Amino acid sequence: SIGAFRGECKLSVWLCQIAKNIFFTEA
């Protein structure tokens, strides 16, 4: 979904948000 990245935040923040969502879903 790299095409969905709008640049409204740092790329590292976007990646960490994705990881956080995966973590909470899996938890």
mmCIF file of all heavy atoms, coordinates in Angstrom:
data_MODEL
# 
_entry.id   MODEL 
# 
loop_
_atom_site.group_PDB 
_atom_site.id 
_atom_site.type_symbol 
_atom_site.label_atom_id 
_atom_site.label_alt_id 
_atom_site.label_comp_id 
_atom_site.label_asym_id 
_atom_site.label_entity_id 
_atom_site.label_seq_id 
_atom_site.pdbx_PDB_ins_code 
_atom_site.Cartn_x 
_atom_site.Cartn_y 
_atom_site.Cartn_z 
_atom_site.occupancy 
_atom_site.B_iso_or_equiv 
_atom_site.pdbx_formal_charge 
_atom_site.auth_seq_id 
_atom_site.auth_comp_id 
_atom_site.auth_asym_id 
_atom_site.auth_atom_id 
_atom_site.pdbx_PDB_model_num 
ATOM 1   N N   . SER A 1 1  ? 0.810  -1.223  0.000  1.00 0.00 ? 1  SER A N   1 
ATOM 2   C CA  . SER A 1 1  ? 0.000  0.000   0.000  1.00 0.00 ? 1  SER A CA  1 
ATOM 3   C C   . SER A 1 1  ? 0.843  1.272   0.000  1.00 0.00 ? 1  SER A C   1 
ATOM 4   O O   . SER A 1 1  ? 0.392  2.310   0.465  1.00 0.00 ? 1  SER A O   1 
ATOM 5   C CB  . SER A 1 1  ? -0.931 -0.017  1.222  1.00 0.00 ? 1  SER A CB  1 
ATOM 6   O OG  . SER A 1 1  ? -0.179 -0.062  2.413  1.00 0.00 ? 1  SER A OG  1 
ATOM 7   N N   . ILE A 1 2  ? 2.028  1.198   -0.535 1.00 0.00 ? 2  ILE A N   1 
ATOM 8   C CA  . ILE A 1 2  ? 2.911  2.375   -0.554 1.00 0.00 ? 2  ILE A CA  1 
ATOM 9   C C   . ILE A 1 2  ? 2.268  3.536   -1.316 1.00 0.00 ? 2  ILE A C   1 
ATOM 10  O O   . ILE A 1 2  ? 2.485  4.700   -0.986 1.00 0.00 ? 2  ILE A O   1 
ATOM 11  C CB  . ILE A 1 2  ? 4.315  2.031   -1.126 1.00 0.00 ? 2  ILE A CB  1 
ATOM 12  C CG1 . ILE A 1 2  ? 5.322  3.148   -0.840 1.00 0.00 ? 2  ILE A CG1 1 
ATOM 13  C CG2 . ILE A 1 2  ? 4.257  1.733   -2.609 1.00 0.00 ? 2  ILE A CG2 1 
ATOM 14  C CD1 . ILE A 1 2  ? 5.749  3.253   0.587  1.00 0.00 ? 2  ILE A CD1 1 
ATOM 15  N N   . GLY A 1 3  ? 1.418  3.233   -2.262 1.00 0.00 ? 3  GLY A N   1 
ATOM 16  C CA  . GLY A 1 3  ? 0.718  4.279   -3.007 1.00 0.00 ? 3  GLY A CA  1 
ATOM 17  C C   . GLY A 1 3  ? -0.257 5.067   -2.147 1.00 0.00 ? 3  GLY A C   1 
ATOM 18  O O   . GLY A 1 3  ? -0.620 6.194   -2.473 1.00 0.00 ? 3  GLY A O   1 
ATOM 19  N N   . ALA A 1 4  ? -0.673 4.469   -1.004 1.00 0.00 ? 4  ALA A N   1 
ATOM 20  C CA  . ALA A 1 4  ? -1.614 5.139   -0.111 1.00 0.00 ? 4  ALA A CA  1 
ATOM 21  C C   . ALA A 1 4  ? -0.913 6.107   0.841  1.00 0.00 ? 4  ALA A C   1 
ATOM 22  O O   . ALA A 1 4  ? -1.572 6.904   1.505  1.00 0.00 ? 4  ALA A O   1 
ATOM 23  C CB  . ALA A 1 4  ? -2.397 4.105   0.706  1.00 0.00 ? 4  ALA A CB  1 
ATOM 24  N N   . PHE A 1 5  ? 0.414  6.040   0.894  1.00 0.00 ? 5  PHE A N   1 
ATOM 25  C CA  . PHE A 1 5  ? 1.151  6.949   1.776  1.00 0.00 ? 5  PHE A CA  1 
ATOM 26  C C   . PHE A 1 5  ? 1.087  8.357   1.194  1.00 0.00 ? 5  PHE A C   1 
ATOM 27  O O   . PHE A 1 5  ? 1.537  8.623   0.090  1.00 0.00 ? 5  PHE A O   1 
ATOM 28  C CB  . PHE A 1 5  ? 2.608  6.496   1.921  1.00 0.00 ? 5  PHE A CB  1 
ATOM 29  C CG  . PHE A 1 5  ? 3.428  7.399   2.792  1.00 0.00 ? 5  PHE A CG  1 
ATOM 30  C CD1 . PHE A 1 5  ? 3.136  7.550   4.144  1.00 0.00 ? 5  PHE A CD1 1 
ATOM 31  C CD2 . PHE A 1 5  ? 4.492  8.117   2.260  1.00 0.00 ? 5  PHE A CD2 1 
ATOM 32  C CE1 . PHE A 1 5  ? 3.890  8.378   4.951  1.00 0.00 ? 5  PHE A CE1 1 
ATOM 33  C CE2 . PHE A 1 5  ? 5.252  8.950   3.061  1.00 0.00 ? 5  PHE A CE2 1 
ATOM 34  C CZ  . PHE A 1 5  ? 4.953  9.082   4.409  1.00 0.00 ? 5  PHE A CZ  1 
ATOM 35  N N   . ARG A 1 6  ? 0.458  9.277   1.973  1.00 0.00 ? 6  ARG A N   1 
ATOM 36  C CA  . ARG A 1 6  ? 0.226  10.633  1.486  1.00 0.00 ? 6  ARG A CA  1 
ATOM 37  C C   . ARG A 1 6  ? 1.299  11.623  1.933  1.00 0.00 ? 6  ARG A C   1 
ATOM 38  O O   . ARG A 1 6  ? 1.242  12.797  1.577  1.00 0.00 ? 6  ARG A O   1 
ATOM 39  C CB  . ARG A 1 6  ? -1.143 11.109  1.960  1.00 0.00 ? 6  ARG A CB  1 
ATOM 40  C CG  . ARG A 1 6  ? -2.283 10.277  1.375  1.00 0.00 ? 6  ARG A CG  1 
ATOM 41  C CD  . ARG A 1 6  ? -3.617 10.824  1.784  1.00 0.00 ? 6  ARG A CD  1 
ATOM 42  N NE  . ARG A 1 6  ? -3.768 10.836  3.234  1.00 0.00 ? 6  ARG A NE  1 
ATOM 43  C CZ  . ARG A 1 6  ? -4.580 10.075  3.933  1.00 0.00 ? 6  ARG A CZ  1 
ATOM 44  N NH1 . ARG A 1 6  ? -5.353 9.223   3.306  1.00 0.00 ? 6  ARG A NH1 1 
ATOM 45  N NH2 . ARG A 1 6  ? -4.651 10.155  5.236  1.00 0.00 ? 6  ARG A NH2 1 
ATOM 46  N N   . GLY A 1 7  ? 2.218  11.192  2.757  1.00 0.00 ? 7  GLY A N   1 
ATOM 47  C CA  . GLY A 1 7  ? 3.278  12.081  3.201  1.00 0.00 ? 7  GLY A CA  1 
ATOM 48  C C   . GLY A 1 7  ? 2.857  13.059  4.267  1.00 0.00 ? 7  GLY A C   1 
ATOM 49  O O   . GLY A 1 7  ? 3.540  14.062  4.506  1.00 0.00 ? 7  GLY A O   1 
ATOM 50  N N   . GLU A 1 8  ? 1.720  12.815  4.929  1.00 0.00 ? 8  GLU A N   1 
ATOM 51  C CA  . GLU A 1 8  ? 1.238  13.707  5.991  1.00 0.00 ? 8  GLU A CA  1 
ATOM 52  C C   . GLU A 1 8  ? 2.024  13.531  7.285  1.00 0.00 ? 8  GLU A C   1 
ATOM 53  O O   . GLU A 1 8  ? 1.900  14.329  8.200  1.00 0.00 ? 8  GLU A O   1 
ATOM 54  C CB  . GLU A 1 8  ? -0.255 13.471  6.234  1.00 0.00 ? 8  GLU A CB  1 
ATOM 55  C CG  . GLU A 1 8  ? -1.099 13.846  5.035  1.00 0.00 ? 8  GLU A CG  1 
ATOM 56  C CD  . GLU A 1 8  ? -2.560 13.456  5.202  1.00 0.00 ? 8  GLU A CD  1 
ATOM 57  O OE1 . GLU A 1 8  ? -2.927 12.845  6.216  1.00 0.00 ? 8  GLU A OE1 1 
ATOM 58  O OE2 . GLU A 1 8  ? -3.344 13.776  4.287  1.00 0.00 ? 8  GLU A OE2 1 
ATOM 59  N N   . CYS A 1 9  ? 2.803  12.472  7.361  1.00 0.00 ? 9  CYS A N   1 
ATOM 60  C CA  . CYS A 1 9  ? 3.666  12.235  8.515  1.00 0.00 ? 9  CYS A CA  1 
ATOM 61  C C   . CYS A 1 9  ? 4.967  11.638  7.991  1.00 0.00 ? 9  CYS A C   1 
ATOM 62  O O   . CYS A 1 9  ? 5.094  11.333  6.809  1.00 0.00 ? 9  CYS A O   1 
ATOM 63  C CB  . CYS A 1 9  ? 3.001  11.293  9.529  1.00 0.00 ? 9  CYS A CB  1 
ATOM 64  S SG  . CYS A 1 9  ? 2.645  9.649   8.868  1.00 0.00 ? 9  CYS A SG  1 
ATOM 65  N N   . LYS A 1 10 ? 5.921  11.474  8.884  1.00 0.00 ? 10 LYS A N   1 
ATOM 66  C CA  . LYS A 1 10 ? 7.178  10.853  8.470  1.00 0.00 ? 10 LYS A CA  1 
ATOM 67  C C   . LYS A 1 10 ? 6.920  9.410   8.067  1.00 0.00 ? 10 LYS A C   1 
ATOM 68  O O   . LYS A 1 10 ? 6.029  8.750   8.599  1.00 0.00 ? 10 LYS A O   1 
ATOM 69  C CB  . LYS A 1 10 ? 8.184  10.858  9.623  1.00 0.00 ? 10 LYS A CB  1 
ATOM 70  C CG  . LYS A 1 10 ? 8.697  12.212  9.996  1.00 0.00 ? 10 LYS A CG  1 
ATOM 71  C CD  . LYS A 1 10 ? 9.706  12.071  11.119 1.00 0.00 ? 10 LYS A CD  1 
ATOM 72  C CE  . LYS A 1 10 ? 10.261 13.403  11.534 1.00 0.00 ? 10 LYS A CE  1 
ATOM 73  N NZ  . LYS A 1 10 ? 11.243 13.259  12.616 1.00 0.00 ? 10 LYS A NZ  1 
ATOM 74  N N   . LEU A 1 11 ? 7.715  8.917   7.153  1.00 0.00 ? 11 LEU A N   1 
ATOM 75  C CA  . LEU A 1 11 ? 7.577  7.543   6.699  1.00 0.00 ? 11 LEU A CA  1 
ATOM 76  C C   . LEU A 1 11 ? 7.763  6.568   7.866  1.00 0.00 ? 11 LEU A C   1 
ATOM 77  O O   . LEU A 1 11 ? 7.039  5.578   7.974  1.00 0.00 ? 11 LEU A O   1 
ATOM 78  C CB  . LEU A 1 11 ? 8.595  7.252   5.590  1.00 0.00 ? 11 LEU A CB  1 
ATOM 79  C CG  . LEU A 1 11 ? 8.495  5.901   4.902  1.00 0.00 ? 11 LEU A CG  1 
ATOM 80  C CD1 . LEU A 1 11 ? 7.100  5.690   4.314  1.00 0.00 ? 11 LEU A CD1 1 
ATOM 81  C CD2 . LEU A 1 11 ? 9.548  5.778   3.810  1.00 0.00 ? 11 LEU A CD2 1 
ATOM 82  N N   . SER A 1 12 ? 8.692  6.865   8.770  1.00 0.00 ? 12 SER A N   1 
ATOM 83  C CA  . SER A 1 12 ? 8.918  5.989   9.919  1.00 0.00 ? 12 SER A CA  1 
ATOM 84  C C   . SER A 1 12 ? 7.682  5.922   10.818 1.00 0.00 ? 12 SER A C   1 
ATOM 85  O O   . SER A 1 12 ? 7.355  4.861   11.350 1.00 0.00 ? 12 SER A O   1 
ATOM 86  C CB  . SER A 1 12 ? 10.132 6.453   10.728 1.00 0.00 ? 12 SER A CB  1 
ATOM 87  O OG  . SER A 1 12 ? 9.915  7.758   11.228 1.00 0.00 ? 12 SER A OG  1 
ATOM 88  N N   . VAL A 1 13 ? 6.977  7.032   10.959 1.00 0.00 ? 13 VAL A N   1 
ATOM 89  C CA  . VAL A 1 13 ? 5.757  7.066   11.772 1.00 0.00 ? 13 VAL A CA  1 
ATOM 90  C C   . VAL A 1 13 ? 4.679  6.216   11.102 1.00 0.00 ? 13 VAL A C   1 
ATOM 91  O O   . VAL A 1 13 ? 3.987  5.434   11.772 1.00 0.00 ? 13 VAL A O   1 
ATOM 92  C CB  . VAL A 1 13 ? 5.262  8.519   11.976 1.00 0.00 ? 13 VAL A CB  1 
ATOM 93  C CG1 . VAL A 1 13 ? 3.893  8.553   12.635 1.00 0.00 ? 13 VAL A CG1 1 
ATOM 94  C CG2 . VAL A 1 13 ? 6.281  9.301   12.786 1.00 0.00 ? 13 VAL A CG2 1 
ATOM 95  N N   . TRP A 1 14 ? 4.534  6.343   9.791  1.00 0.00 ? 14 TRP A N   1 
ATOM 96  C CA  . TRP A 1 14 ? 3.562  5.557   9.053  1.00 0.00 ? 14 TRP A CA  1 
ATOM 97  C C   . TRP A 1 14 ? 3.844  4.062   9.202  1.00 0.00 ? 14 TRP A C   1 
ATOM 98  O O   . TRP A 1 14 ? 2.942  3.271   9.475  1.00 0.00 ? 14 TRP A O   1 
ATOM 99  C CB  . TRP A 1 14 ? 3.585  5.975   7.584  1.00 0.00 ? 14 TRP A CB  1 
ATOM 100 C CG  . TRP A 1 14 ? 2.575  5.296   6.708  1.00 0.00 ? 14 TRP A CG  1 
ATOM 101 C CD1 . TRP A 1 14 ? 1.218  5.413   6.772  1.00 0.00 ? 14 TRP A CD1 1 
ATOM 102 C CD2 . TRP A 1 14 ? 2.853  4.417   5.625  1.00 0.00 ? 14 TRP A CD2 1 
ATOM 103 N NE1 . TRP A 1 14 ? 0.634  4.652   5.788  1.00 0.00 ? 14 TRP A NE1 1 
ATOM 104 C CE2 . TRP A 1 14 ? 1.608  4.029   5.063  1.00 0.00 ? 14 TRP A CE2 1 
ATOM 105 C CE3 . TRP A 1 14 ? 4.025  3.924   5.065  1.00 0.00 ? 14 TRP A CE3 1 
ATOM 106 C CZ2 . TRP A 1 14 ? 1.521  3.164   3.977  1.00 0.00 ? 14 TRP A CZ2 1 
ATOM 107 C CZ3 . TRP A 1 14 ? 3.933  3.070   3.976  1.00 0.00 ? 14 TRP A CZ3 1 
ATOM 108 C CH2 . TRP A 1 14 ? 2.687  2.698   3.450  1.00 0.00 ? 14 TRP A CH2 1 
ATOM 109 N N   . LEU A 1 15 ? 5.105  3.683   9.060  1.00 0.00 ? 15 LEU A N   1 
ATOM 110 C CA  . LEU A 1 15 ? 5.489  2.275   9.207  1.00 0.00 ? 15 LEU A CA  1 
ATOM 111 C C   . LEU A 1 15 ? 5.211  1.766   10.624 1.00 0.00 ? 15 LEU A C   1 
ATOM 112 O O   . LEU A 1 15 ? 4.727  0.647   10.808 1.00 0.00 ? 15 LEU A O   1 
ATOM 113 C CB  . LEU A 1 15 ? 6.965  2.084   8.853  1.00 0.00 ? 15 LEU A CB  1 
ATOM 114 C CG  . LEU A 1 15 ? 7.331  2.307   7.384  1.00 0.00 ? 15 LEU A CG  1 
ATOM 115 C CD1 . LEU A 1 15 ? 8.843  2.419   7.215  1.00 0.00 ? 15 LEU A CD1 1 
ATOM 116 C CD2 . LEU A 1 15 ? 6.765  1.202   6.520  1.00 0.00 ? 15 LEU A CD2 1 
ATOM 117 N N   . CYS A 1 16 ? 5.503  2.591   11.621 1.00 0.00 ? 16 CYS A N   1 
ATOM 118 C CA  . CYS A 1 16 ? 5.245  2.199   13.012 1.00 0.00 ? 16 CYS A CA  1 
ATOM 119 C C   . CYS A 1 16 ? 3.743  2.101   13.290 1.00 0.00 ? 16 CYS A C   1 
ATOM 120 O O   . CYS A 1 16 ? 3.317  1.246   14.070 1.00 0.00 ? 16 CYS A O   1 
ATOM 121 C CB  . CYS A 1 16 ? 5.920  3.171   13.976 1.00 0.00 ? 16 CYS A CB  1 
ATOM 122 S SG  . CYS A 1 16 ? 7.720  2.956   14.057 1.00 0.00 ? 16 CYS A SG  1 
ATOM 123 N N   . GLN A 1 17 ? 2.956  2.935   12.646 1.00 0.00 ? 17 GLN A N   1 
ATOM 124 C CA  . GLN A 1 17 ? 1.500  2.833   12.808 1.00 0.00 ? 17 GLN A CA  1 
ATOM 125 C C   . GLN A 1 17 ? 0.985  1.518   12.240 1.00 0.00 ? 17 GLN A C   1 
ATOM 126 O O   . GLN A 1 17 ? 0.133  0.864   12.844 1.00 0.00 ? 17 GLN A O   1 
ATOM 127 C CB  . GLN A 1 17 ? 0.798  4.008   12.111 1.00 0.00 ? 17 GLN A CB  1 
ATOM 128 C CG  . GLN A 1 17 ? 0.942  5.323   12.822 1.00 0.00 ? 17 GLN A CG  1 
ATOM 129 C CD  . GLN A 1 17 ? 0.374  6.477   12.006 1.00 0.00 ? 17 GLN A CD  1 
ATOM 130 O OE1 . GLN A 1 17 ? 0.269  6.413   10.790 1.00 0.00 ? 17 GLN A OE1 1 
ATOM 131 N NE2 . GLN A 1 17 ? 0.022  7.556   12.704 1.00 0.00 ? 17 GLN A NE2 1 
ATOM 132 N N   . ILE A 1 18 ? 1.526  1.123   11.114 1.00 0.00 ? 18 ILE A N   1 
ATOM 133 C CA  . ILE A 1 18 ? 1.140  -0.165  10.518 1.00 0.00 ? 18 ILE A CA  1 
ATOM 134 C C   . ILE A 1 18 ? 1.521  -1.299  11.475 1.00 0.00 ? 18 ILE A C   1 
ATOM 135 O O   . ILE A 1 18 ? 0.716  -2.187  11.761 1.00 0.00 ? 18 ILE A O   1 
ATOM 136 C CB  . ILE A 1 18 ? 1.802  -0.360  9.133  1.00 0.00 ? 18 ILE A CB  1 
ATOM 137 C CG1 . ILE A 1 18 ? 1.262  0.650   8.133  1.00 0.00 ? 18 ILE A CG1 1 
ATOM 138 C CG2 . ILE A 1 18 ? 1.607  -1.798  8.637  1.00 0.00 ? 18 ILE A CG2 1 
ATOM 139 C CD1 . ILE A 1 18 ? 2.020  0.689   6.811  1.00 0.00 ? 18 ILE A CD1 1 
ATOM 140 N N   . ALA A 1 19 ? 2.745  -1.242  12.000 1.00 0.00 ? 19 ALA A N   1 
ATOM 141 C CA  . ALA A 1 19 ? 3.216  -2.280  12.935 1.00 0.00 ? 19 ALA A CA  1 
ATOM 142 C C   . ALA A 1 19 ? 2.354  -2.304  14.199 1.00 0.00 ? 19 ALA A C   1 
ATOM 143 O O   . ALA A 1 19 ? 2.006  -3.376  14.698 1.00 0.00 ? 19 ALA A O   1 
ATOM 144 C CB  . ALA A 1 19 ? 4.680  -2.038  13.288 1.00 0.00 ? 19 ALA A CB  1 
ATOM 145 N N   . LYS A 1 20 ? 1.997  -1.128  14.694 1.00 0.00 ? 20 LYS A N   1 
ATOM 146 C CA  . LYS A 1 20 ? 1.162  -1.046  15.900 1.00 0.00 ? 20 LYS A CA  1 
ATOM 147 C C   . LYS A 1 20 ? -0.197 -1.686  15.653 1.00 0.00 ? 20 LYS A C   1 
ATOM 148 O O   . LYS A 1 20 ? -0.695 -2.450  16.483 1.00 0.00 ? 20 LYS A O   1 
ATOM 149 C CB  . LYS A 1 20 ? 0.988  0.409   16.329 1.00 0.00 ? 20 LYS A CB  1 
ATOM 150 C CG  . LYS A 1 20 ? 0.093  0.586   17.557 1.00 0.00 ? 20 LYS A CG  1 
ATOM 151 C CD  . LYS A 1 20 ? -0.150 2.035   17.862 1.00 0.00 ? 20 LYS A CD  1 
ATOM 152 C CE  . LYS A 1 20 ? -1.055 2.595   16.799 1.00 0.00 ? 20 LYS A CE  1 
ATOM 153 N NZ  . LYS A 1 20 ? -1.525 3.924   16.982 1.00 0.00 ? 20 LYS A NZ  1 
ATOM 154 N N   . ASN A 1 21 ? -0.791 -1.411  14.509 1.00 0.00 ? 21 ASN A N   1 
ATOM 155 C CA  . ASN A 1 21 ? -2.095 -1.999  14.182 1.00 0.00 ? 21 ASN A CA  1 
ATOM 156 C C   . ASN A 1 21 ? -2.003 -3.523  14.074 1.00 0.00 ? 21 ASN A C   1 
ATOM 157 O O   . ASN A 1 21 ? -2.882 -4.243  14.552 1.00 0.00 ? 21 ASN A O   1 
ATOM 158 C CB  . ASN A 1 21 ? -2.648 -1.406  12.888 1.00 0.00 ? 21 ASN A CB  1 
ATOM 159 C CG  . ASN A 1 21 ? -3.050 0.044   13.062 1.00 0.00 ? 21 ASN A CG  1 
ATOM 160 O OD1 . ASN A 1 21 ? -3.320 0.503   14.160 1.00 0.00 ? 21 ASN A OD1 1 
ATOM 161 N ND2 . ASN A 1 21 ? -3.079 0.778   11.964 1.00 0.00 ? 21 ASN A ND2 1 
ATOM 162 N N   . ILE A 1 22 ? -0.943 -4.009  13.467 1.00 0.00 ? 22 ILE A N   1 
ATOM 163 C CA  . ILE A 1 22 ? -0.738 -5.457  13.360 1.00 0.00 ? 22 ILE A CA  1 
ATOM 164 C C   . ILE A 1 22 ? -0.584 -6.050  14.759 1.00 0.00 ? 22 ILE A C   1 
ATOM 165 O O   . ILE A 1 22 ? -1.184 -7.082  15.071 1.00 0.00 ? 22 ILE A O   1 
ATOM 166 C CB  . ILE A 1 22 ? 0.499  -5.773  12.496 1.00 0.00 ? 22 ILE A CB  1 
ATOM 167 C CG1 . ILE A 1 22 ? 0.243  -5.362  11.051 1.00 0.00 ? 22 ILE A CG1 1 
ATOM 168 C CG2 . ILE A 1 22 ? 0.872  -7.258  12.605 1.00 0.00 ? 22 ILE A CG2 1 
ATOM 169 C CD1 . ILE A 1 22 ? 1.486  -5.356  10.180 1.00 0.00 ? 22 ILE A CD1 1 
ATOM 170 N N   . PHE A 1 23 ? 0.215  -5.387  15.610 1.00 0.00 ? 23 PHE A N   1 
ATOM 171 C CA  . PHE A 1 23 ? 0.424  -5.885  16.973 1.00 0.00 ? 23 PHE A CA  1 
ATOM 172 C C   . PHE A 1 23 ? -0.896 -5.986  17.727 1.00 0.00 ? 23 PHE A C   1 
ATOM 173 O O   . PHE A 1 23 ? -1.200 -7.026  18.311 1.00 0.00 ? 23 PHE A O   1 
ATOM 174 C CB  . PHE A 1 23 ? 1.388  -4.985  17.747 1.00 0.00 ? 23 PHE A CB  1 
ATOM 175 C CG  . PHE A 1 23 ? 1.379  -5.260  19.220 1.00 0.00 ? 23 PHE A CG  1 
ATOM 176 C CD1 . PHE A 1 23 ? 1.983  -6.394  19.739 1.00 0.00 ? 23 PHE A CD1 1 
ATOM 177 C CD2 . PHE A 1 23 ? 0.736  -4.399  20.095 1.00 0.00 ? 23 PHE A CD2 1 
ATOM 178 C CE1 . PHE A 1 23 ? 1.952  -6.668  21.105 1.00 0.00 ? 23 PHE A CE1 1 
ATOM 179 C CE2 . PHE A 1 23 ? 0.700  -4.657  21.455 1.00 0.00 ? 23 PHE A CE2 1 
ATOM 180 C CZ  . PHE A 1 23 ? 1.312  -5.792  21.961 1.00 0.00 ? 23 PHE A CZ  1 
ATOM 181 N N   . PHE A 1 24 ? -1.698 -4.919  17.714 1.00 0.00 ? 24 PHE A N   1 
ATOM 182 C CA  . PHE A 1 24 ? -2.943 -4.937  18.481 1.00 0.00 ? 24 PHE A CA  1 
ATOM 183 C C   . PHE A 1 24 ? -3.941 -5.952  17.925 1.00 0.00 ? 24 PHE A C   1 
ATOM 184 O O   . PHE A 1 24 ? -4.635 -6.625  18.682 1.00 0.00 ? 24 PHE A O   1 
ATOM 185 C CB  . PHE A 1 24 ? -3.562 -3.541  18.567 1.00 0.00 ? 24 PHE A CB  1 
ATOM 186 C CG  . PHE A 1 24 ? -2.858 -2.657  19.554 1.00 0.00 ? 24 PHE A CG  1 
ATOM 187 C CD1 . PHE A 1 24 ? -2.275 -1.469  19.164 1.00 0.00 ? 24 PHE A CD1 1 
ATOM 188 C CD2 . PHE A 1 24 ? -2.761 -3.019  20.890 1.00 0.00 ? 24 PHE A CD2 1 
ATOM 189 C CE1 . PHE A 1 24 ? -1.611 -0.664  20.080 1.00 0.00 ? 24 PHE A CE1 1 
ATOM 190 C CE2 . PHE A 1 24 ? -2.098 -2.219  21.810 1.00 0.00 ? 24 PHE A CE2 1 
ATOM 191 C CZ  . PHE A 1 24 ? -1.526 -1.034  21.408 1.00 0.00 ? 24 PHE A CZ  1 
ATOM 192 N N   . THR A 1 25 ? -3.991 -6.078  16.620 1.00 0.00 ? 25 THR A N   1 
ATOM 193 C CA  . THR A 1 25 ? -4.874 -7.074  16.014 1.00 0.00 ? 25 THR A CA  1 
ATOM 194 C C   . THR A 1 25 ? -4.451 -8.487  16.439 1.00 0.00 ? 25 THR A C   1 
ATOM 195 O O   . THR A 1 25 ? -5.278 -9.298  16.852 1.00 0.00 ? 25 THR A O   1 
ATOM 196 C CB  . THR A 1 25 ? -4.855 -6.955  14.475 1.00 0.00 ? 25 THR A CB  1 
ATOM 197 O OG1 . THR A 1 25 ? -5.302 -5.652  14.112 1.00 0.00 ? 25 THR A OG1 1 
ATOM 198 C CG2 . THR A 1 25 ? -5.733 -8.014  13.821 1.00 0.00 ? 25 THR A CG2 1 
ATOM 199 N N   . GLU A 1 26 ? -3.168 -8.766  16.341 1.00 0.00 ? 26 GLU A N   1 
ATOM 200 C CA  . GLU A 1 26 ? -2.656 -10.088 16.708 1.00 0.00 ? 26 GLU A CA  1 
ATOM 201 C C   . GLU A 1 26 ? -2.788 -10.347 18.210 1.00 0.00 ? 26 GLU A C   1 
ATOM 202 O O   . GLU A 1 26 ? -3.115 -11.458 18.633 1.00 0.00 ? 26 GLU A O   1 
ATOM 203 C CB  . GLU A 1 26 ? -1.198 -10.235 16.264 1.00 0.00 ? 26 GLU A CB  1 
ATOM 204 C CG  . GLU A 1 26 ? -0.572 -11.555 16.599 1.00 0.00 ? 26 GLU A CG  1 
ATOM 205 C CD  . GLU A 1 26 ? -1.185 -12.748 15.883 1.00 0.00 ? 26 GLU A CD  1 
ATOM 206 O OE1 . GLU A 1 26 ? -1.919 -12.571 14.898 1.00 0.00 ? 26 GLU A OE1 1 
ATOM 207 O OE2 . GLU A 1 26 ? -0.923 -13.876 16.330 1.00 0.00 ? 26 GLU A OE2 1 
ATOM 208 N N   . ALA A 1 27 ? -2.547 -9.324  19.030 1.00 0.00 ? 27 ALA A N   1 
ATOM 209 C CA  . ALA A 1 27 ? -2.668 -9.487  20.485 1.00 0.00 ? 27 ALA A CA  1 
ATOM 210 C C   . ALA A 1 27 ? -4.108 -9.814  20.866 1.00 0.00 ? 27 ALA A C   1 
ATOM 211 O O   . ALA A 1 27 ? -4.348 -10.695 21.705 1.00 0.00 ? 27 ALA A O   1 
ATOM 212 C CB  . ALA A 1 27 ? -2.198 -8.224  21.202 1.00 0.00 ? 27 ALA A CB  1 
# 
